[in-house]
């Protein structure tokens, strides 16, 4: 999606909305203990087939999400 091509229908009709659809709370560990922050998503939508994806807007939050909190790792 980030390259402008829909992975479902292969059309070049992808649009991006910064700080788009939804947000989520993530927890992190700091010197003072546990903290919480909210991260937002950039949303990508294909106007040909309706498929959409969300990506975390603040890349610094990815480590916090991976290190605990409400998000659970998917085991393949």
PDB file of N, CA and C in Angstrom:
ATOM      1  N   UNK A   1       0.823  -1.193   0.000  1.00  0.00           N
ATOM      2  CA  UNK A   1       0.000   0.000   0.000  1.00  0.00           C
ATOM      3  C   UNK A   1       0.868   1.258   0.000  1.00  0.00           C
ATOM      4  N   UNK A   2       1.944   1.252   0.773  1.00  0.00           N
ATOM      5  CA  UNK A   2       2.777   2.448   0.888  1.00  0.00           C
ATOM      6  C   UNK A   2       3.412   2.854  -0.438  1.00  0.00           C
ATOM      7  N   UNK A   3       3.489   1.919  -1.377  1.00  0.00           N
ATOM      8  CA  UNK A   3       4.058   2.234  -2.690  1.00  0.00           C
ATOM      9  C   UNK A   3       2.999   2.741  -3.671  1.00  0.00           C
ATOM     10  N   UNK A   4       1.762   2.884  -3.209  1.00  0.00           N
ATOM     11  CA  UNK A   4       0.696   3.409  -4.054  1.00  0.00           C
ATOM     12  C   UNK A   4      -0.046   2.355  -4.857  1.00  0.00           C
ATOM     13  N   UNK A   5       0.315   1.086  -4.675  1.00  0.00           N
ATOM     14  CA  UNK A   5      -0.336  -0.015  -5.390  1.00  0.00           C
ATOM     15  C   UNK A   5      -1.065  -0.893  -4.383  1.00  0.00           C
ATOM     16  N   UNK A   6      -2.321  -1.173  -4.638  1.00  0.00           N
ATOM     17  CA  UNK A   6      -3.115  -2.010  -3.752  1.00  0.00           C
ATOM     18  C   UNK A   6      -2.658  -3.475  -3.861  1.00  0.00           C
ATOM     19  N   UNK A   7      -2.358  -4.133  -2.723  1.00  0.00           N
ATOM     20  CA  UNK A   7      -1.927  -5.532  -2.775  1.00  0.00           C
ATOM     21  C   UNK A   7      -3.056  -6.507  -3.092  1.00  0.00           C
ATOM     22  N   UNK A   8      -4.296  -6.067  -3.012  1.00  0.00           N
ATOM     23  CA  UNK A   8      -5.445  -6.942  -3.282  1.00  0.00           C
ATOM     24  C   UNK A   8      -5.892  -6.895  -4.738  1.00  0.00           C
ATOM     25  N   UNK A   9      -5.972  -5.684  -5.322  1.00  0.00           N
ATOM     26  CA  UNK A   9      -6.496  -5.578  -6.688  1.00  0.00           C
ATOM     27  C   UNK A   9      -5.470  -5.022  -7.684  1.00  0.00           C
ATOM     28  N   UNK A  10      -4.288  -4.677  -7.197  1.00  0.00           N
ATOM     29  CA  UNK A  10      -3.168  -4.185  -8.026  1.00  0.00           C
ATOM     30  C   UNK A  10      -3.427  -2.844  -8.708  1.00  0.00           C
ATOM     31  N   UNK A  11      -4.440  -2.124  -8.275  1.00  0.00           N
ATOM     32  CA  UNK A  11      -4.718  -0.812  -8.862  1.00  0.00           C
ATOM     33  C   UNK A  11      -3.865   0.264  -8.206  1.00  0.00           C
ATOM     34  N   UNK A  12      -3.633   1.337  -8.931  1.00  0.00           N
ATOM     35  CA  UNK A  12      -2.873   2.480  -8.413  1.00  0.00           C
ATOM     36  C   UNK A  12      -3.837   3.566  -7.937  1.00  0.00           C
ATOM     37  N   UNK A  13      -4.740   3.169  -7.068  1.00  0.00           N
ATOM     38  CA  UNK A  13      -5.760   4.094  -6.574  1.00  0.00           C
ATOM     39  C   UNK A  13      -5.749   4.127  -5.048  1.00  0.00           C
ATOM     40  N   UNK A  14      -4.544   4.249  -4.481  1.00  0.00           N
ATOM     41  CA  UNK A  14      -4.359   4.237  -3.033  1.00  0.00           C
ATOM     42  C   UNK A  14      -4.219   5.673  -2.526  1.00  0.00           C
ATOM     43  N   UNK A  15      -4.943   5.976  -1.456  1.00  0.00           N
ATOM     44  CA  UNK A  15      -4.904   7.292  -0.824  1.00  0.00           C
ATOM     45  C   UNK A  15      -4.477   7.126   0.631  1.00  0.00           C
ATOM     46  N   UNK A  16      -3.758   8.119   1.158  1.00  0.00           N
ATOM     47  CA  UNK A  16      -3.239   8.068   2.516  1.00  0.00           C
ATOM     48  C   UNK A  16      -3.855   9.183   3.353  1.00  0.00           C
ATOM     49  N   UNK A  17      -4.204   8.848   4.605  1.00  0.00           N
ATOM     50  CA  UNK A  17      -4.703   9.820   5.568  1.00  0.00           C
ATOM     51  C   UNK A  17      -3.760   9.808   6.767  1.00  0.00           C
ATOM     52  N   UNK A  18      -2.962  10.895   6.942  1.00  0.00           N
ATOM     53  CA  UNK A  18      -2.055  10.982   8.087  1.00  0.00           C
ATOM     54  C   UNK A  18      -2.863  11.070   9.365  1.00  0.00           C
ATOM     55  N   UNK A  19      -2.372  10.407  10.419  1.00  0.00           N
ATOM     56  CA  UNK A  19      -3.098  10.324  11.689  1.00  0.00           C
ATOM     57  C   UNK A  19      -4.552   9.957  11.417  1.00  0.00           C
ATOM     58  N   UNK A  20      -4.705   8.878  10.662  1.00  0.00           N
ATOM     59  CA  UNK A  20      -5.996   8.493  10.105  1.00  0.00           C
ATOM     60  C   UNK A  20      -6.935   7.797  11.054  1.00  0.00           C
ATOM     61  N   UNK A  21      -7.407   6.648  10.665  1.00  0.00           N
ATOM     62  CA  UNK A  21      -8.480   5.937  11.346  1.00  0.00           C
ATOM     63  C   UNK A  21      -7.935   5.237  12.586  1.00  0.00           C
ATOM     64  N   UNK A  22      -8.396   5.657  13.745  1.00  0.00           N
ATOM     65  CA  UNK A  22      -8.095   4.956  14.983  1.00  0.00           C
ATOM     66  C   UNK A  22      -6.833   5.402  15.688  1.00  0.00           C
ATOM     67  N   UNK A  23      -6.700   4.900  16.901  1.00  0.00           N
ATOM     68  CA  UNK A  23      -5.519   5.097  17.724  1.00  0.00           C
ATOM     69  C   UNK A  23      -5.484   3.942  18.707  1.00  0.00           C
ATOM     70  N   UNK A  24      -4.350   3.778  19.386  1.00  0.00           N
ATOM     71  CA  UNK A  24      -4.244   2.693  20.345  1.00  0.00           C
ATOM     72  C   UNK A  24      -3.305   3.092  21.461  1.00  0.00           C
ATOM     73  N   UNK A  25      -3.560   2.566  22.630  1.00  0.00           N
ATOM     74  CA  UNK A  25      -2.708   2.817  23.782  1.00  0.00           C
ATOM     75  C   UNK A  25      -1.570   1.803  23.773  1.00  0.00           C
ATOM     76  N   UNK A  26      -0.366   2.260  24.081  1.00  0.00           N
ATOM     77  CA  UNK A  26       0.741   1.331  24.239  1.00  0.00           C
ATOM     78  C   UNK A  26       1.466   1.658  25.530  1.00  0.00           C
ATOM     79  N   UNK A  27       2.021   0.645  26.155  1.00  0.00           N
ATOM     80  CA  UNK A  27       2.757   0.823  27.398  1.00  0.00           C
ATOM     81  C   UNK A  27       4.239   0.760  27.111  1.00  0.00           C
ATOM     82  N   UNK A  28       5.035   1.410  27.941  1.00  0.00           N
ATOM     83  CA  UNK A  28       6.476   1.377  27.783  1.00  0.00           C
ATOM     84  C   UNK A  28       7.128   1.395  29.158  1.00  0.00           C
ATOM     85  N   UNK A  29       8.393   1.004  29.192  1.00  0.00           N
ATOM     86  CA  UNK A  29       9.162   1.004  30.430  1.00  0.00           C
ATOM     87  C   UNK A  29      10.153   2.150  30.374  1.00  0.00           C
ATOM     88  N   UNK A  30      10.212   2.944  31.436  1.00  0.00           N
ATOM     89  CA  UNK A  30      11.199   4.016  31.537  1.00  0.00           C
ATOM     90  C   UNK A  30      11.889   3.899  32.890  1.00  0.00           C
ATOM     91  N   UNK A  31      12.828   4.778  33.151  1.00  0.00           N
ATOM     92  CA  UNK A  31      13.537   4.737  34.435  1.00  0.00           C
ATOM     93  C   UNK A  31      12.581   4.869  35.613  1.00  0.00           C
ATOM     94  N   UNK A  32      11.483   5.591  35.428  1.00  0.00           N
ATOM     95  CA  UNK A  32      10.509   5.792  36.493  1.00  0.00           C
ATOM     96  C   UNK A  32       9.493   4.673  36.620  1.00  0.00           C
ATOM     97  N   UNK A  33       9.561   3.659  35.787  1.00  0.00           N
ATOM     98  CA  UNK A  33       8.613   2.551  35.829  1.00  0.00           C
ATOM     99  C   UNK A  33       7.817   2.469  34.535  1.00  0.00           C
ATOM    100  N   UNK A  34       6.599   1.979  34.638  1.00  0.00           N
ATOM    101  CA  UNK A  34       5.732   1.830  33.470  1.00  0.00           C
ATOM    102  C   UNK A  34       5.086   3.152  33.120  1.00  0.00           C
ATOM    103  N   UNK A  35       4.889   3.382  31.841  1.00  0.00           N
ATOM    104  CA  UNK A  35       4.181   4.557  31.362  1.00  0.00           C
ATOM    105  C   UNK A  35       3.215   4.151  30.269  1.00  0.00           C
ATOM    106  N   UNK A  36       2.361   5.071  29.885  1.00  0.00           N
ATOM    107  CA  UNK A  36       1.407   4.816  28.804  1.00  0.00           C
ATOM    108  C   UNK A  36       1.435   5.993  27.848  1.00  0.00           C
ATOM    109  N   UNK A  37       1.232   5.698  26.588  1.00  0.00           N
ATOM    110  CA  UNK A  37       1.111   6.737  25.579  1.00  0.00           C
ATOM    111  C   UNK A  37       0.112   6.264  24.532  1.00  0.00           C
ATOM    112  N   UNK A  38      -0.375   7.159  23.747  1.00  0.00           N
ATOM    113  CA  UNK A  38      -1.288   6.803  22.665  1.00  0.00           C
ATOM    114  C   UNK A  38      -0.572   7.003  21.350  1.00  0.00           C
ATOM    115  N   UNK A  39      -0.690   6.030  20.486  1.00  0.00           N
ATOM    116  CA  UNK A  39      -0.104   6.152  19.159  1.00  0.00           C
ATOM    117  C   UNK A  39      -1.224   6.220  18.134  1.00  0.00           C
ATOM    118  N   UNK A  40      -0.974   6.920  17.062  1.00  0.00           N
ATOM    119  CA  UNK A  40      -1.957   7.040  15.990  1.00  0.00           C
ATOM    120  C   UNK A  40      -1.481   6.263  14.776  1.00  0.00           C
ATOM    121  N   UNK A  41      -2.372   6.102  13.827  1.00  0.00           N
ATOM    122  CA  UNK A  41      -2.066   5.342  12.622  1.00  0.00           C
ATOM    123  C   UNK A  41      -2.196   6.212  11.383  1.00  0.00           C
ATOM    124  N   UNK A  42      -1.356   5.945  10.390  1.00  0.00           N
ATOM    125  CA  UNK A  42      -1.577   6.473   9.051  1.00  0.00           C
ATOM    126  C   UNK A  42      -2.408   5.422   8.328  1.00  0.00           C
ATOM    127  N   UNK A  43      -3.492   5.844   7.701  1.00  0.00           N
ATOM    128  CA  UNK A  43      -4.399   4.912   7.027  1.00  0.00           C
ATOM    129  C   UNK A  43      -4.217   5.005   5.515  1.00  0.00           C
ATOM    130  N   UNK A  44      -4.235   3.847   4.865  1.00  0.00           N
ATOM    131  CA  UNK A  44      -4.134   3.756   3.407  1.00  0.00           C
ATOM    132  C   UNK A  44      -5.387   3.051   2.912  1.00  0.00           C
ATOM    133  N   UNK A  45      -6.018   3.617   1.880  1.00  0.00           N
ATOM    134  CA  UNK A  45      -7.277   3.091   1.364  1.00  0.00           C
ATOM    135  C   UNK A  45      -7.242   3.017  -0.152  1.00  0.00           C
ATOM    136  N   UNK A  46      -7.652   1.884  -0.686  1.00  0.00           N
ATOM    137  CA  UNK A  46      -7.780   1.724  -2.134  1.00  0.00           C
ATOM    138  C   UNK A  46      -9.208   2.090  -2.523  1.00  0.00           C
ATOM    139  N   UNK A  47      -9.330   3.068  -3.399  1.00  0.00           N
ATOM    140  CA  UNK A  47     -10.666   3.490  -3.814  1.00  0.00           C
ATOM    141  C   UNK A  47     -11.226   2.610  -4.932  1.00  0.00           C
ATOM    142  N   UNK A  48     -10.462   1.635  -5.391  1.00  0.00           N
ATOM    143  CA  UNK A  48     -10.988   0.695  -6.391  1.00  0.00           C
ATOM    144  C   UNK A  48     -11.722  -0.472  -5.748  1.00  0.00           C
ATOM    145  N   UNK A  49     -11.133  -1.046  -4.679  1.00  0.00           N
ATOM    146  CA  UNK A  49     -11.740  -2.238  -4.080  1.00  0.00           C
ATOM    147  C   UNK A  49     -12.145  -2.048  -2.619  1.00  0.00           C
ATOM    148  N   UNK A  50     -11.731  -0.953  -1.985  1.00  0.00           N
ATOM    149  CA  UNK A  50     -12.109  -0.695  -0.605  1.00  0.00           C
ATOM    150  C   UNK A  50     -11.161  -1.254   0.434  1.00  0.00           C
ATOM    151  N   UNK A  51     -10.114  -1.940   0.005  1.00  0.00           N
ATOM    152  CA  UNK A  51      -9.150  -2.498   0.961  1.00  0.00           C
ATOM    153  C   UNK A  51      -8.406  -1.363   1.661  1.00  0.00           C
ATOM    154  N   UNK A  52      -8.128  -1.536   2.990  1.00  0.00           N
ATOM    155  CA  UNK A  52      -7.339  -0.529   3.674  1.00  0.00           C
ATOM    156  C   UNK A  52      -6.413  -1.144   4.702  1.00  0.00           C
ATOM    157  N   UNK A  53      -5.347  -0.415   5.028  1.00  0.00           N
ATOM    158  CA  UNK A  53      -4.365  -0.832   6.017  1.00  0.00           C
ATOM    159  C   UNK A  53      -4.030   0.364   6.899  1.00  0.00           C
ATOM    160  N   UNK A  54      -3.641   0.072   8.138  1.00  0.00           N
ATOM    161  CA  UNK A  54      -3.172   1.097   9.062  1.00  0.00           C
ATOM    162  C   UNK A  54      -1.728   0.812   9.429  1.00  0.00           C
ATOM    163  N   UNK A  55      -0.935   1.855   9.577  1.00  0.00           N
ATOM    164  CA  UNK A  55       0.456   1.752  10.003  1.00  0.00           C
ATOM    165  C   UNK A  55       0.678   2.733  11.141  1.00  0.00           C
ATOM    166  N   UNK A  56       1.436   2.332  12.155  1.00  0.00           N
ATOM    167  CA  UNK A  56       1.741   3.211  13.280  1.00  0.00           C
ATOM    168  C   UNK A  56       2.437   4.457  12.757  1.00  0.00           C
ATOM    169  N   UNK A  57       1.932   5.642  13.148  1.00  0.00           N
ATOM    170  CA  UNK A  57       2.475   6.915  12.683  1.00  0.00           C
ATOM    171  C   UNK A  57       3.838   7.211  13.282  1.00  0.00           C
ATOM    172  N   UNK A  58       3.989   6.954  14.558  1.00  0.00           N
ATOM    173  CA  UNK A  58       5.223   7.284  15.273  1.00  0.00           C
ATOM    174  C   UNK A  58       6.066   6.030  15.413  1.00  0.00           C
ATOM    175  N   UNK A  59       7.103   5.928  14.608  1.00  0.00           N
ATOM    176  CA  UNK A  59       7.925   4.725  14.595  1.00  0.00           C
ATOM    177  C   UNK A  59       8.576   4.452  15.951  1.00  0.00           C
ATOM    178  N   UNK A  60       8.791   5.486  16.748  1.00  0.00           N
ATOM    179  CA  UNK A  60       9.372   5.284  18.075  1.00  0.00           C
ATOM    180  C   UNK A  60       8.452   4.466  18.982  1.00  0.00           C
ATOM    181  N   UNK A  61       7.168   4.403  18.664  1.00  0.00           N
ATOM    182  CA  UNK A  61       6.224   3.636  19.474  1.00  0.00           C
ATOM    183  C   UNK A  61       6.273   2.135  19.167  1.00  0.00           C
ATOM    184  N   UNK A  62       6.876   1.753  18.056  1.00  0.00           N
ATOM    185  CA  UNK A  62       6.909   0.325  17.705  1.00  0.00           C
ATOM    186  C   UNK A  62       7.649  -0.503  18.751  1.00  0.00           C
ATOM    187  N   UNK A  63       8.763   0.012  19.253  1.00  0.00           N
ATOM    188  CA  UNK A  63       9.520  -0.716  20.279  1.00  0.00           C
ATOM    189  C   UNK A  63       8.698  -0.860  21.554  1.00  0.00           C
ATOM    190  N   UNK A  64       8.002   0.203  21.939  1.00  0.00           N
ATOM    191  CA  UNK A  64       7.168   0.143  23.135  1.00  0.00           C
ATOM    192  C   UNK A  64       6.062  -0.890  22.979  1.00  0.00           C
ATOM    193  N   UNK A  65       5.474  -0.950  21.823  1.00  0.00           N
ATOM    194  CA  UNK A  65       4.415  -1.930  21.568  1.00  0.00           C
ATOM    195  C   UNK A  65       4.974  -3.348  21.636  1.00  0.00           C
ATOM    196  N   UNK A  66       6.173  -3.551  21.088  1.00  0.00           N
ATOM    197  CA  UNK A  66       6.785  -4.883  21.067  1.00  0.00           C
ATOM    198  C   UNK A  66       7.228  -5.346  22.454  1.00  0.00           C
ATOM    199  N   UNK A  67       7.431  -4.408  23.377  1.00  0.00           N
ATOM    200  CA  UNK A  67       7.952  -4.758  24.701  1.00  0.00           C
ATOM    201  C   UNK A  67       6.887  -4.918  25.770  1.00  0.00           C
ATOM    202  N   UNK A  68       5.659  -5.106  25.386  1.00  0.00           N
ATOM    203  CA  UNK A  68       4.653  -5.378  26.392  1.00  0.00           C
ATOM    204  C   UNK A  68       3.392  -4.568  26.197  1.00  0.00           C
ATOM    205  N   UNK A  69       2.480  -4.737  27.124  1.00  0.00           N
ATOM    206  CA  UNK A  69       1.245  -3.995  27.056  1.00  0.00           C
ATOM    207  C   UNK A  69       0.111  -4.851  26.523  1.00  0.00           C
ATOM    208  N   UNK A  70      -0.847  -4.202  25.898  1.00  0.00           N
ATOM    209  CA  UNK A  70      -2.043  -4.870  25.412  1.00  0.00           C
ATOM    210  C   UNK A  70      -1.834  -5.647  24.111  1.00  0.00           C
ATOM    211  N   UNK A  71      -0.820  -5.275  23.346  1.00  0.00           N
ATOM    212  CA  UNK A  71      -0.571  -5.941  22.068  1.00  0.00           C
ATOM    213  C   UNK A  71       0.067  -7.308  22.309  1.00  0.00           C
ATOM    214  N   UNK A  72      -0.455  -8.323  21.682  1.00  0.00           N
ATOM    215  CA  UNK A  72       0.079  -9.681  21.811  1.00  0.00           C
ATOM    216  C   UNK A  72       0.724 -10.095  20.501  1.00  0.00           C
ATOM    217  N   UNK A  73       1.914 -10.682  20.587  1.00  0.00           N
ATOM    218  CA  UNK A  73       2.635 -11.116  19.387  1.00  0.00           C
ATOM    219  C   UNK A  73       1.911 -12.314  18.763  1.00  0.00           C
ATOM    220  N   UNK A  74       1.795 -12.262  17.450  1.00  0.00           N
ATOM    221  CA  UNK A  74       1.189 -13.361  16.696  1.00  0.00           C
ATOM    222  C   UNK A  74       2.286 -14.379  16.398  1.00  0.00           C
ATOM    223  N   UNK A  75       2.086 -15.608  16.802  1.00  0.00           N
ATOM    224  CA  UNK A  75       3.060 -16.668  16.587  1.00  0.00           C
ATOM    225  C   UNK A  75       2.700 -17.411  15.305  1.00  0.00           C
ATOM    226  N   UNK A  76       3.646 -17.442  14.383  1.00  0.00           N
ATOM    227  CA  UNK A  76       3.406 -18.115  13.098  1.00  0.00           C
ATOM    228  C   UNK A  76       3.768 -19.571  13.175  1.00  0.00           C
TER     229      UNK A  76
END
